[in-house]
Amino acid sequence: MFTSVTAWLKLGGGVIAAVSLLIAGWHVASWRARAMETARLEAVNAELLASMDRMKAAQAKADRARVEDAVQAAAREADLQAQIQDLQELVDIEARPDCDFKPEVAGLLNRAMGRDK
C-alpha cells in the first residue's frame, strides 16, 4: 500500500498536521478557559471591593456615632458632677453625737445580722 517515499511523507505530514491542530486546539481551549476564569474573578473582585467600601462606610459611621455618644456621655457626666457639687455645697451635715448608736445597741445589731465582733 505505502510503497513509495512520497506516500510515507504525505502520511507523516498528515499526522504532523493533525497533531499540530490538536495542540493548537488545546492551547486555544486553555486560553478560552483562562479568559472565562479571568472574567469571573474580575466580577468577584469588583463585588468584594464594593462590599469592602460598604463595610468601611459602616465602620466610619459607627465610629462617628461612638465619638458623639462619648461626647454626650462626658457632657452628662460633667452636668451630674456639677449638680452633685452644688448639692454638696448646699447641704451642711454636722455630726450629732446624740444620734449615734450606743455600743451595746450596735453590738446587738451586728449579732442579729450575723456579724460577731
PDB file of N, CA and C in Angstrom:
ATOM      1  N   MET A   1       0.813  -1.178   0.000  1.00  0.00           N
ATOM      2  CA  MET A   1       0.000   0.000   0.000  1.00  0.00           C
ATOM      3  C   MET A   1       0.865   1.253   0.000  1.00  0.00           C
ATOM      4  N   PHE A   2       1.719   1.414   1.018  1.00  0.00           N
ATOM      5  CA  PHE A   2       2.629   2.571   1.046  1.00  0.00           C
ATOM      6  C   PHE A   2       3.997   2.115   0.559  1.00  0.00           C
ATOM      7  N   THR A   3       4.127   2.100  -0.689  1.00  0.00           N
ATOM      8  CA  THR A   3       5.375   1.611  -1.249  1.00  0.00           C
ATOM      9  C   THR A   3       6.315   2.731  -1.632  1.00  0.00           C
ATOM     10  N   SER A   4       5.795   3.901  -1.801  1.00  0.00           N
ATOM     11  CA  SER A   4       6.685   4.977  -2.215  1.00  0.00           C
ATOM     12  C   SER A   4       6.987   5.908  -1.043  1.00  0.00           C
ATOM     13  N   VAL A   5       8.072   6.632  -1.161  1.00  0.00           N
ATOM     14  CA  VAL A   5       8.508   7.574  -0.124  1.00  0.00           C
ATOM     15  C   VAL A   5       7.533   8.731  -0.023  1.00  0.00           C
ATOM     16  N   THR A   6       7.004   9.152  -1.138  1.00  0.00           N
ATOM     17  CA  THR A   6       6.064  10.280  -1.115  1.00  0.00           C
ATOM     18  C   THR A   6       4.799   9.924  -0.348  1.00  0.00           C
ATOM     19  N   ALA A   7       4.375   8.703  -0.415  1.00  0.00           N
ATOM     20  CA  ALA A   7       3.194   8.297   0.352  1.00  0.00           C
ATOM     21  C   ALA A   7       3.487   8.367   1.847  1.00  0.00           C
ATOM     22  N   TRP A   8       4.694   7.905   2.224  1.00  0.00           N
ATOM     23  CA  TRP A   8       5.084   7.983   3.641  1.00  0.00           C
ATOM     24  C   TRP A   8       5.211   9.444   4.087  1.00  0.00           C
ATOM     25  N   LEU A   9       5.741  10.293   3.230  1.00  0.00           N
ATOM     26  CA  LEU A   9       5.863  11.711   3.570  1.00  0.00           C
ATOM     27  C   LEU A   9       4.488  12.352   3.712  1.00  0.00           C
ATOM     28  N   LYS A  10       3.570  11.996   2.819  1.00  0.00           N
ATOM     29  CA  LYS A  10       2.209  12.519   2.922  1.00  0.00           C
ATOM     30  C   LYS A  10       1.557  12.065   4.225  1.00  0.00           C
ATOM     31  N   LEU A  11       1.746  10.783   4.556  1.00  0.00           N
ATOM     32  CA  LEU A  11       1.171  10.257   5.806  1.00  0.00           C
ATOM     33  C   LEU A  11       1.801  10.944   7.009  1.00  0.00           C
ATOM     34  N   GLY A  12       3.116  11.098   7.009  1.00  0.00           N
ATOM     35  CA  GLY A  12       3.810  11.783   8.113  1.00  0.00           C
ATOM     36  C   GLY A  12       3.385  13.229   8.213  1.00  0.00           C
ATOM     37  N   GLY A  13       3.258  13.888   7.066  1.00  0.00           N
ATOM     38  CA  GLY A  13       2.799  15.283   7.064  1.00  0.00           C
ATOM     39  C   GLY A  13       1.381  15.403   7.612  1.00  0.00           C
ATOM     40  N   GLY A  14       0.539  14.465   7.245  1.00  0.00           N
ATOM     41  CA  GLY A  14      -0.838  14.464   7.747  1.00  0.00           C
ATOM     42  C   GLY A  14      -0.890  14.253   9.249  1.00  0.00           C
ATOM     43  N   VAL A  15      -0.055  13.310   9.733  1.00  0.00           N
ATOM     44  CA  VAL A  15      -0.010  13.062  11.187  1.00  0.00           C
ATOM     45  C   VAL A  15       0.497  14.299  11.909  1.00  0.00           C
ATOM     46  N   ILE A  16       1.537  14.917  11.362  1.00  0.00           N
ATOM     47  CA  ILE A  16       2.088  16.131  11.991  1.00  0.00           C
ATOM     48  C   ILE A  16       1.061  17.252  11.965  1.00  0.00           C
ATOM     49  N   ALA A  17       0.353  17.379  10.854  1.00  0.00           N
ATOM     50  CA  ALA A  17      -0.683  18.416  10.764  1.00  0.00           C
ATOM     51  C   ALA A  17      -1.798  18.140  11.770  1.00  0.00           C
ATOM     52  N   ALA A  18      -2.202  16.880  11.883  1.00  0.00           N
ATOM     53  CA  ALA A  18      -3.274  16.536  12.828  1.00  0.00           C
ATOM     54  C   ALA A  18      -2.829  16.803  14.261  1.00  0.00           C
ATOM     55  N   VAL A  19      -1.594  16.424  14.592  1.00  0.00           N
ATOM     56  CA  VAL A  19      -1.078  16.669  15.952  1.00  0.00           C
ATOM     57  C   VAL A  19      -0.958  18.163  16.202  1.00  0.00           C
ATOM     58  N   SER A  20      -0.486  18.903  15.202  1.00  0.00           N
ATOM     59  CA  SER A  20      -0.362  20.361  15.344  1.00  0.00           C
ATOM     60  C   SER A  20      -1.728  20.995  15.575  1.00  0.00           C
ATOM     61  N   LEU A  21      -2.733  20.573  14.814  1.00  0.00           N
ATOM     62  CA  LEU A  21      -4.088  21.100  15.011  1.00  0.00           C
ATOM     63  C   LEU A  21      -4.627  20.728  16.388  1.00  0.00           C
ATOM     64  N   LEU A  22      -4.340  19.520  16.828  1.00  0.00           N
ATOM     65  CA  LEU A  22      -4.783  19.092  18.152  1.00  0.00           C
ATOM     66  C   LEU A  22      -4.131  19.949  19.244  1.00  0.00           C
ATOM     67  N   ILE A  23      -2.828  20.177  19.135  1.00  0.00           N
ATOM     68  CA  ILE A  23      -2.126  21.004  20.130  1.00  0.00           C
ATOM     69  C   ILE A  23      -2.621  22.443  20.074  1.00  0.00           C
ATOM     70  N   ALA A  24      -2.820  22.975  18.876  1.00  0.00           N
ATOM     71  CA  ALA A  24      -3.334  24.342  18.742  1.00  0.00           C
ATOM     72  C   ALA A  24      -4.728  24.446  19.347  1.00  0.00           C
ATOM     73  N   GLY A  25      -5.579  23.471  19.081  1.00  0.00           N
ATOM     74  CA  GLY A  25      -6.924  23.473  19.669  1.00  0.00           C
ATOM     75  C   GLY A  25      -6.868  23.414  21.184  1.00  0.00           C
ATOM     76  N   TRP A  26      -5.956  22.613  21.721  1.00  0.00           N
ATOM     77  CA  TRP A  26      -5.808  22.510  23.177  1.00  0.00           C
ATOM     78  C   TRP A  26      -5.368  23.842  23.764  1.00  0.00           C
ATOM     79  N   HIS A  27      -4.409  24.519  23.094  1.00  0.00           N
ATOM     80  CA  HIS A  27      -3.962  25.837  23.571  1.00  0.00           C
ATOM     81  C   HIS A  27      -5.093  26.858  23.506  1.00  0.00           C
ATOM     82  N   VAL A  28      -5.824  26.862  22.425  1.00  0.00           N
ATOM     83  CA  VAL A  28      -6.939  27.811  22.293  1.00  0.00           C
ATOM     84  C   VAL A  28      -7.986  27.545  23.367  1.00  0.00           C
ATOM     85  N   ALA A  29      -8.268  26.284  23.633  1.00  0.00           N
ATOM     86  CA  ALA A  29      -9.243  25.948  24.672  1.00  0.00           C
ATOM     87  C   ALA A  29      -8.750  26.408  26.043  1.00  0.00           C
ATOM     88  N   SER A  30      -7.449  26.248  26.324  1.00  0.00           N
ATOM     89  CA  SER A  30      -6.933  26.690  27.618  1.00  0.00           C
ATOM     90  C   SER A  30      -6.961  28.216  27.712  1.00  0.00           C
ATOM     91  N   TRP A  31      -6.667  28.913  26.598  1.00  0.00           N
ATOM     92  CA  TRP A  31      -6.759  30.372  26.615  1.00  0.00           C
ATOM     93  C   TRP A  31      -8.189  30.828  26.877  1.00  0.00           C
ATOM     94  N   ARG A  32      -9.130  30.136  26.250  1.00  0.00           N
ATOM     95  CA  ARG A  32     -10.545  30.481  26.431  1.00  0.00           C
ATOM     96  C   ARG A  32     -10.966  30.246  27.884  1.00  0.00           C
ATOM     97  N   ALA A  33     -10.535  29.126  28.442  1.00  0.00           N
ATOM     98  CA  ALA A  33     -10.869  28.830  29.838  1.00  0.00           C
ATOM     99  C   ALA A  33     -10.260  29.877  30.766  1.00  0.00           C
ATOM    100  N   ARG A  34      -9.013  30.281  30.516  1.00  0.00           N
ATOM    101  CA  ARG A  34      -8.379  31.320  31.333  1.00  0.00           C
ATOM    102  C   ARG A  34      -9.124  32.648  31.212  1.00  0.00           C
ATOM    103  N   ALA A  35      -9.557  32.975  30.006  1.00  0.00           N
ATOM    104  CA  ALA A  35     -10.295  34.226  29.805  1.00  0.00           C
ATOM    105  C   ALA A  35     -11.614  34.210  30.567  1.00  0.00           C
ATOM    106  N   MET A  36     -12.307  33.066  30.525  1.00  0.00           N
ATOM    107  CA  MET A  36     -13.565  32.953  31.271  1.00  0.00           C
ATOM    108  C   MET A  36     -13.315  33.048  32.772  1.00  0.00           C
ATOM    109  N   GLU A  37     -12.265  32.411  33.266  1.00  0.00           N
ATOM    110  CA  GLU A  37     -11.932  32.460  34.687  1.00  0.00           C
ATOM    111  C   GLU A  37     -11.522  33.882  35.085  1.00  0.00           C
ATOM    112  N   THR A  38     -10.794  34.563  34.206  1.00  0.00           N
ATOM    113  CA  THR A  38     -10.406  35.946  34.475  1.00  0.00           C
ATOM    114  C   THR A  38     -11.631  36.837  34.602  1.00  0.00           C
ATOM    115  N   ALA A  39     -12.577  36.669  33.693  1.00  0.00           N
ATOM    116  CA  ALA A  39     -13.808  37.471  33.760  1.00  0.00           C
ATOM    117  C   ALA A  39     -14.564  37.186  35.051  1.00  0.00           C
ATOM    118  N   ARG A  40     -14.645  35.922  35.456  1.00  0.00           N
ATOM    119  CA  ARG A  40     -15.342  35.565  36.695  1.00  0.00           C
ATOM    120  C   ARG A  40     -14.628  36.165  37.903  1.00  0.00           C
ATOM    121  N   LEU A  41     -13.305  36.060  37.920  1.00  0.00           N
ATOM    122  CA  LEU A  41     -12.547  36.586  39.054  1.00  0.00           C
ATOM    123  C   LEU A  41     -12.603  38.108  39.124  1.00  0.00           C
ATOM    124  N   GLU A  42     -12.649  38.767  37.965  1.00  0.00           N
ATOM    125  CA  GLU A  42     -12.794  40.229  37.969  1.00  0.00           C
ATOM    126  C   GLU A  42     -14.142  40.635  38.539  1.00  0.00           C
ATOM    127  N   ALA A  43     -15.197  39.887  38.226  1.00  0.00           N
ATOM    128  CA  ALA A  43     -16.522  40.173  38.781  1.00  0.00           C
ATOM    129  C   ALA A  43     -16.528  39.958  40.295  1.00  0.00           C
ATOM    130  N   VAL A  44     -15.907  38.873  40.743  1.00  0.00           N
ATOM    131  CA  VAL A  44     -15.825  38.607  42.183  1.00  0.00           C
ATOM    132  C   VAL A  44     -15.021  39.707  42.869  1.00  0.00           C
ATOM    133  N   ASN A  45     -13.919  40.122  42.246  1.00  0.00           N
ATOM    134  CA  ASN A  45     -13.091  41.175  42.808  1.00  0.00           C
ATOM    135  C   ASN A  45     -13.865  42.484  42.927  1.00  0.00           C
ATOM    136  N   ALA A  46     -14.625  42.838  41.897  1.00  0.00           N
ATOM    137  CA  ALA A  46     -15.426  44.064  41.933  1.00  0.00           C
ATOM    138  C   ALA A  46     -16.470  43.984  43.043  1.00  0.00           C
ATOM    139  N   GLU A  47     -17.086  42.816  43.204  1.00  0.00           N
ATOM    140  CA  GLU A  47     -18.079  42.633  44.261  1.00  0.00           C
ATOM    141  C   GLU A  47     -17.437  42.763  45.642  1.00  0.00           C
ATOM    142  N   LEU A  48     -16.256  42.182  45.809  1.00  0.00           N
ATOM    143  CA  LEU A  48     -15.553  42.287  47.089  1.00  0.00           C
ATOM    144  C   LEU A  48     -15.126  43.721  47.391  1.00  0.00           C
ATOM    145  N   LEU A  49     -14.678  44.438  46.373  1.00  0.00           N
ATOM    146  CA  LEU A  49     -14.310  45.842  46.580  1.00  0.00           C
ATOM    147  C   LEU A  49     -15.513  46.678  46.997  1.00  0.00           C
ATOM    148  N   ALA A  50     -16.651  46.449  46.349  1.00  0.00           N
ATOM    149  CA  ALA A  50     -17.867  47.173  46.714  1.00  0.00           C
ATOM    150  C   ALA A  50     -18.284  46.824  48.139  1.00  0.00           C
ATOM    151  N   SER A  51     -18.181  45.551  48.503  1.00  0.00           N
ATOM    152  CA  SER A  51     -18.523  45.122  49.855  1.00  0.00           C
ATOM    153  C   SER A  51     -17.588  45.759  50.878  1.00  0.00           C
ATOM    154  N   MET A  52     -16.308  45.827  50.540  1.00  0.00           N
ATOM    155  CA  MET A  52     -15.344  46.435  51.455  1.00  0.00           C
ATOM    156  C   MET A  52     -15.619  47.932  51.610  1.00  0.00           C
ATOM    157  N   ASP A  53     -15.994  48.598  50.526  1.00  0.00           N
ATOM    158  CA  ASP A  53     -16.341  50.019  50.612  1.00  0.00           C
ATOM    159  C   ASP A  53     -17.557  50.229  51.509  1.00  0.00           C
ATOM    160  N   ARG A  54     -18.566  49.345  51.379  1.00  0.00           N
ATOM    161  CA  ARG A  54     -19.741  49.446  52.248  1.00  0.00           C
ATOM    162  C   ARG A  54     -19.358  49.222  53.707  1.00  0.00           C
ATOM    163  N   MET A  55     -18.472  48.251  53.943  1.00  0.00           N
ATOM    164  CA  MET A  55     -18.051  47.978  55.316  1.00  0.00           C
ATOM    165  C   MET A  55     -17.264  49.154  55.899  1.00  0.00           C
ATOM    166  N   LYS A  56     -16.403  49.777  55.081  1.00  0.00           N
ATOM    167  CA  LYS A  56     -15.653  50.938  55.551  1.00  0.00           C
ATOM    168  C   LYS A  56     -16.591  52.087  55.891  1.00  0.00           C
ATOM    169  N   ALA A  57     -17.598  52.310  55.051  1.00  0.00           N
ATOM    170  CA  ALA A  57     -18.560  53.382  55.307  1.00  0.00           C
ATOM    171  C   ALA A  57     -19.338  53.104  56.589  1.00  0.00           C
ATOM    172  N   ALA A  58     -19.754  51.856  56.782  1.00  0.00           N
ATOM    173  CA  ALA A  58     -20.480  51.499  58.004  1.00  0.00           C
ATOM    174  C   ALA A  58     -19.593  51.653  59.237  1.00  0.00           C
ATOM    175  N   GLN A  59     -18.322  51.271  59.115  1.00  0.00           N
ATOM    176  CA  GLN A  59     -17.392  51.413  60.230  1.00  0.00           C
ATOM    177  C   GLN A  59     -17.165  52.881  60.565  1.00  0.00           C
ATOM    178  N   ALA A  60     -17.019  53.724  59.535  1.00  0.00           N
ATOM    179  CA  ALA A  60     -16.829  55.155  59.771  1.00  0.00           C
ATOM    180  C   ALA A  60     -18.063  55.755  60.442  1.00  0.00           C
ATOM    181  N   LYS A  61     -19.247  55.331  60.002  1.00  0.00           N
ATOM    182  CA  LYS A  61     -20.486  55.818  60.614  1.00  0.00           C
ATOM    183  C   LYS A  61     -20.561  55.380  62.072  1.00  0.00           C
ATOM    184  N   ALA A  62     -20.205  54.138  62.355  1.00  0.00           N
ATOM    185  CA  ALA A  62     -20.229  53.644  63.736  1.00  0.00           C
ATOM    186  C   ALA A  62     -19.199  54.375  64.590  1.00  0.00           C
ATOM    187  N   ASP A  63     -18.043  54.673  64.022  1.00  0.00           N
ATOM    188  CA  ASP A  63     -17.026  55.417  64.769  1.00  0.00           C
ATOM    189  C   ASP A  63     -17.506  56.824  65.100  1.00  0.00           C
ATOM    190  N   ARG A  64     -18.132  57.480  64.127  1.00  0.00           N
ATOM    191  CA  ARG A  64     -18.668  58.825  64.391  1.00  0.00           C
ATOM    192  C   ARG A  64     -19.736  58.779  65.474  1.00  0.00           C
ATOM    193  N   ALA A  65     -20.615  57.783  65.414  1.00  0.00           N
ATOM    194  CA  ALA A  65     -21.672  57.652  66.429  1.00  0.00           C
ATOM    195  C   ALA A  65     -21.062  57.385  67.799  1.00  0.00           C
ATOM    196  N   ARG A  66     -20.005  56.558  67.833  1.00  0.00           N
ATOM    197  CA  ARG A  66     -19.359  56.262  69.107  1.00  0.00           C
ATOM    198  C   ARG A  66     -18.718  57.515  69.708  1.00  0.00           C
ATOM    199  N   VAL A  67     -18.098  58.332  68.859  1.00  0.00           N
ATOM    200  CA  VAL A  67     -17.481  59.575  69.345  1.00  0.00           C
ATOM    201  C   VAL A  67     -18.554  60.537  69.853  1.00  0.00           C
ATOM    202  N   GLU A  68     -19.648  60.647  69.099  1.00  0.00           N
ATOM    203  CA  GLU A  68     -20.743  61.515  69.528  1.00  0.00           C
ATOM    204  C   GLU A  68     -21.325  61.040  70.860  1.00  0.00           C
ATOM    205  N   ASP A  69     -21.499  59.739  71.021  1.00  0.00           N
ATOM    206  CA  ASP A  69     -22.000  59.194  72.285  1.00  0.00           C
ATOM    207  C   ASP A  69     -21.033  59.471  73.426  1.00  0.00           C
ATOM    208  N   ALA A  70     -19.737  59.360  73.153  1.00  0.00           N
ATOM    209  CA  ALA A  70     -18.747  59.631  74.195  1.00  0.00           C
ATOM    210  C   ALA A  70     -18.783  61.103  74.605  1.00  0.00           C
ATOM    211  N   VAL A  71     -18.952  61.992  73.629  1.00  0.00           N
ATOM    212  CA  VAL A  71     -19.035  63.422  73.937  1.00  0.00           C
ATOM    213  C   VAL A  71     -20.290  63.708  74.761  1.00  0.00           C
ATOM    214  N   GLN A  72     -21.404  63.108  74.366  1.00  0.00           N
ATOM    215  CA  GLN A  72     -22.642  63.311  75.113  1.00  0.00           C
ATOM    216  C   GLN A  72     -22.530  62.741  76.526  1.00  0.00           C
ATOM    217  N   ALA A  73     -21.914  61.584  76.652  1.00  0.00           N
ATOM    218  CA  ALA A  73     -21.744  60.979  77.974  1.00  0.00           C
ATOM    219  C   ALA A  73     -20.844  61.844  78.848  1.00  0.00           C
ATOM    220  N   ALA A  74     -19.798  62.390  78.266  1.00  0.00           N
ATOM    221  CA  ALA A  74     -18.909  63.268  79.038  1.00  0.00           C
ATOM    222  C   ALA A  74     -19.646  64.527  79.475  1.00  0.00           C
ATOM    223  N   ALA A  75     -20.488  65.063  78.593  1.00  0.00           N
ATOM    224  CA  ALA A  75     -21.273  66.254  78.958  1.00  0.00           C
ATOM    225  C   ALA A  75     -22.261  65.929  80.077  1.00  0.00           C
ATOM    226  N   ARG A  76     -22.925  64.764  79.970  1.00  0.00           N
ATOM    227  CA  ARG A  76     -23.852  64.359  81.039  1.00  0.00           C
ATOM    228  C   ARG A  76     -23.111  64.145  82.353  1.00  0.00           C
ATOM    229  N   GLU A  77     -21.944  63.529  82.276  1.00  0.00           N
ATOM    230  CA  GLU A  77     -21.142  63.297  83.481  1.00  0.00           C
ATOM    231  C   GLU A  77     -20.732  64.622  84.114  1.00  0.00           C
ATOM    232  N   ALA A  78     -20.330  65.588  83.285  1.00  0.00           N
ATOM    233  CA  ALA A  78     -19.956  66.909  83.811  1.00  0.00           C
ATOM    234  C   ALA A  78     -21.151  67.589  84.453  1.00  0.00           C
ATOM    235  N   ASP A  79     -22.333  67.476  83.807  1.00  0.00           N
ATOM    236  CA  ASP A  79     -23.547  68.062  84.411  1.00  0.00           C
ATOM    237  C   ASP A  79     -23.863  67.417  85.747  1.00  0.00           C
ATOM    238  N   LEU A  80     -23.769  66.090  85.806  1.00  0.00           N
ATOM    239  CA  LEU A  80     -24.047  65.396  87.064  1.00  0.00           C
ATOM    240  C   LEU A  80     -23.042  65.780  88.145  1.00  0.00           C
ATOM    241  N   GLN A  81     -21.775  65.891  87.780  1.00  0.00           N
ATOM    242  CA  GLN A  81     -20.765  66.288  88.763  1.00  0.00           C
ATOM    243  C   GLN A  81     -21.039  67.703  89.271  1.00  0.00           C
ATOM    244  N   ALA A  82     -21.473  68.587  88.369  1.00  0.00           N
ATOM    245  CA  ALA A  82     -21.808  69.953  88.782  1.00  0.00           C
ATOM    246  C   ALA A  82     -23.008  69.948  89.724  1.00  0.00           C
ATOM    247  N   GLN A  83     -24.025  69.128  89.412  1.00  0.00           N
ATOM    248  CA  GLN A  83     -25.196  69.040  90.297  1.00  0.00           C
ATOM    249  C   GLN A  83     -24.806  68.480  91.662  1.00  0.00           C
ATOM    250  N   ILE A  84     -23.963  67.457  91.651  1.00  0.00           N
ATOM    251  CA  ILE A  84     -23.520  66.862  92.916  1.00  0.00           C
ATOM    252  C   ILE A  84     -22.735  67.884  93.717  1.00  0.00           C
ATOM    253  N   GLN A  85     -21.880  68.629  93.055  1.00  0.00           N
ATOM    254  CA  GLN A  85     -21.089  69.655  93.737  1.00  0.00           C
ATOM    255  C   GLN A  85     -22.003  70.713  94.338  1.00  0.00           C
ATOM    256  N   ASP A  86     -23.026  71.133  93.566  1.00  0.00           N
ATOM    257  CA  ASP A  86     -23.979  72.124  94.075  1.00  0.00           C
ATOM    258  C   ASP A  86     -24.717  71.592  95.294  1.00  0.00           C
ATOM    259  N   LEU A  87     -25.162  70.334  95.219  1.00  0.00           N
ATOM    260  CA  LEU A  87     -25.878  69.740  96.348  1.00  0.00           C
ATOM    261  C   LEU A  87     -24.977  69.601  97.568  1.00  0.00           C
ATOM    262  N   GLN A  88     -23.725  69.263  97.340  1.00  0.00           N
ATOM    263  CA  GLN A  88     -22.808  69.125  98.465  1.00  0.00           C
ATOM    264  C   GLN A  88     -22.521  70.471  99.119  1.00  0.00           C
ATOM    265  N   GLU A  89     -22.506  71.526  98.319  1.00  0.00           N
ATOM    266  CA  GLU A  89     -22.275  72.849  98.888  1.00  0.00           C
ATOM    267  C   GLU A  89     -23.492  73.327  99.664  1.00  0.00           C
ATOM    268  N   LEU A  90     -24.705  72.958  99.213  1.00  0.00           N
ATOM    269  CA  LEU A  90     -25.920  73.399  99.894  1.00  0.00           C
ATOM    270  C   LEU A  90     -26.154  72.661 101.204  1.00  0.00           C
ATOM    271  N   VAL A  91     -25.798  71.407 101.267  1.00  0.00           N
ATOM    272  CA  VAL A  91     -26.071  70.602 102.448  1.00  0.00           C
ATOM    273  C   VAL A  91     -24.870  70.690 103.377  1.00  0.00           C
ATOM    274  N   ASP A  92     -25.139  71.113 104.579  1.00  0.00           N
ATOM    275  CA  ASP A  92     -24.091  71.188 105.586  1.00  0.00           C
ATOM    276  C   ASP A  92     -24.418  70.157 106.655  1.00  0.00           C
ATOM    277  N   ILE A  93     -23.717  69.069 106.625  1.00  0.00           N
ATOM    278  CA  ILE A  93     -24.001  67.980 107.552  1.00  0.00           C
ATOM    279  C   ILE A  93     -23.041  68.089 108.729  1.00  0.00           C
ATOM    280  N   GLU A  94     -23.651  68.207 109.889  1.00  0.00           N
ATOM    281  CA  GLU A  94     -22.851  68.258 111.108  1.00  0.00           C
ATOM    282  C   GLU A  94     -23.004  66.939 111.844  1.00  0.00           C
ATOM    283  N   ALA A  95     -21.975  66.560 112.484  1.00  0.00           N
ATOM    284  CA  ALA A  95     -22.040  65.334 113.277  1.00  0.00           C
ATOM    285  C   ALA A  95     -22.873  65.590 114.522  1.00  0.00           C
ATOM    286  N   ARG A  96     -23.788  64.661 114.813  1.00  0.00           N
ATOM    287  CA  ARG A  96     -24.620  64.765 116.005  1.00  0.00           C
ATOM    288  C   ARG A  96     -24.377  63.521 116.863  1.00  0.00           C
ATOM    289  N   PRO A  97     -23.649  63.675 117.905  1.00  0.00           N
ATOM    290  CA  PRO A  97     -23.346  62.517 118.747  1.00  0.00           C
ATOM    291  C   PRO A  97     -24.582  61.904 119.397  1.00  0.00           C
ATOM    292  N   ASP A  98     -25.622  62.695 119.599  1.00  0.00           N
ATOM    293  CA  ASP A  98     -26.809  62.144 120.252  1.00  0.00           C
ATOM    294  C   ASP A  98     -27.584  61.195 119.341  1.00  0.00           C
ATOM    295  N   CYS A  99     -27.303  61.216 118.028  1.00  0.00           N
ATOM    296  CA  CYS A  99     -27.968  60.310 117.091  1.00  0.00           C
ATOM    297  C   CYS A  99     -27.191  59.017 116.884  1.00  0.00           C
ATOM    298  N   ASP A 100     -26.004  58.925 117.428  1.00  0.00           N
ATOM    299  CA  ASP A 100     -25.203  57.714 117.247  1.00  0.00           C
ATOM    300  C   ASP A 100     -25.796  56.560 118.055  1.00  0.00           C
ATOM    301  N   PHE A 101     -25.564  55.339 117.550  1.00  0.00           N
ATOM    302  CA  PHE A 101     -25.967  54.161 118.312  1.00  0.00           C
ATOM    303  C   PHE A 101     -25.017  53.990 119.490  1.00  0.00           C
ATOM    304  N   LYS A 102     -25.572  53.520 120.565  1.00  0.00           N
ATOM    305  CA  LYS A 102     -24.721  53.172 121.698  1.00  0.00           C
ATOM    306  C   LYS A 102     -23.995  51.879 121.352  1.00  0.00           C
ATOM    307  N   PRO A 103     -22.827  51.657 121.911  1.00  0.00           N
ATOM    308  CA  PRO A 103     -22.066  50.452 121.592  1.00  0.00           C
ATOM    309  C   PRO A 103     -22.838  49.167 121.862  1.00  0.00           C
ATOM    310  N   GLU A 104     -23.667  49.147 122.878  1.00  0.00           N
ATOM    311  CA  GLU A 104     -24.430  47.934 123.170  1.00  0.00           C
ATOM    312  C   GLU A 104     -25.445  47.643 122.066  1.00  0.00           C
ATOM    313  N   VAL A 105     -26.092  48.701 121.575  1.00  0.00           N
ATOM    314  CA  VAL A 105     -27.085  48.530 120.518  1.00  0.00           C
ATOM    315  C   VAL A 105     -26.398  48.117 119.217  1.00  0.00           C
ATOM    316  N   ALA A 106     -25.265  48.731 118.905  1.00  0.00           N
ATOM    317  CA  ALA A 106     -24.537  48.376 117.694  1.00  0.00           C
ATOM    318  C   ALA A 106     -24.080  46.919 117.754  1.00  0.00           C
ATOM    319  N   GLY A 107     -23.615  46.462 118.912  1.00  0.00           N
ATOM    320  CA  GLY A 107     -23.211  45.061 119.067  1.00  0.00           C
ATOM    321  C   GLY A 107     -24.385  44.127 118.880  1.00  0.00           C
ATOM    322  N   LEU A 108     -25.540  44.487 119.453  1.00  0.00           N
ATOM    323  CA  LEU A 108     -26.740  43.667 119.309  1.00  0.00           C
ATOM    324  C   LEU A 108     -27.170  43.579 117.839  1.00  0.00           C
ATOM    325  N   LEU A 109     -27.131  44.709 117.140  1.00  0.00           N
ATOM    326  CA  LEU A 109     -27.493  44.702 115.717  1.00  0.00           C
ATOM    327  C   LEU A 109     -26.508  43.865 114.898  1.00  0.00           C
ATOM    328  N   ASN A 110     -25.232  43.973 115.208  1.00  0.00           N
ATOM    329  CA  ASN A 110     -24.230  43.177 114.499  1.00  0.00           C
ATOM    330  C   ASN A 110     -24.448  41.686 114.721  1.00  0.00           C
ATOM    331  N   ARG A 111     -24.766  41.297 115.941  1.00  0.00           N
ATOM    332  CA  ARG A 111     -25.028  39.883 116.240  1.00  0.00           C
ATOM    333  C   ARG A 111     -26.289  39.405 115.516  1.00  0.00           C
ATOM    334  N   ALA A 112     -27.291  40.264 115.430  1.00  0.00           N
ATOM    335  CA  ALA A 112     -28.535  39.893 114.735  1.00  0.00           C
ATOM    336  C   ALA A 112     -28.282  39.703 113.244  1.00  0.00           C
ATOM    337  N   MET A 113     -27.332  40.440 112.689  1.00  0.00           N
ATOM    338  CA  MET A 113     -27.019  40.321 111.263  1.00  0.00           C
ATOM    339  C   MET A 113     -26.017  39.215 110.994  1.00  0.00           C
ATOM    340  N   GLY A 114     -25.499  38.604 112.056  1.00  0.00           N
ATOM    341  CA  GLY A 114     -24.550  37.510 111.864  1.00  0.00           C
ATOM    342  C   GLY A 114     -23.110  37.962 111.849  1.00  0.00           C
ATOM    343  N   ARG A 115     -22.878  39.184 112.234  1.00  0.00           N
ATOM    344  CA  ARG A 115     -21.510  39.719 112.280  1.00  0.00           C
ATOM    345  C   ARG A 115     -21.096  39.846 113.745  1.00  0.00           C
ATOM    346  N   ASP A 116     -20.394  38.911 114.207  1.00  0.00           N
ATOM    347  CA  ASP A 116     -19.946  38.978 115.613  1.00  0.00           C
ATOM    348  C   ASP A 116     -18.697  39.817 115.684  1.00  0.00           C
ATOM    349  N   LYS A 117     -18.635  40.620 116.753  1.00  0.00           N
ATOM    350  CA  LYS A 117     -17.429  41.445 116.959  1.00  0.00           C
ATOM    351  C   LYS A 117     -16.359  40.661 117.608  1.00  0.00           C
TER     352      LYS A 117
END
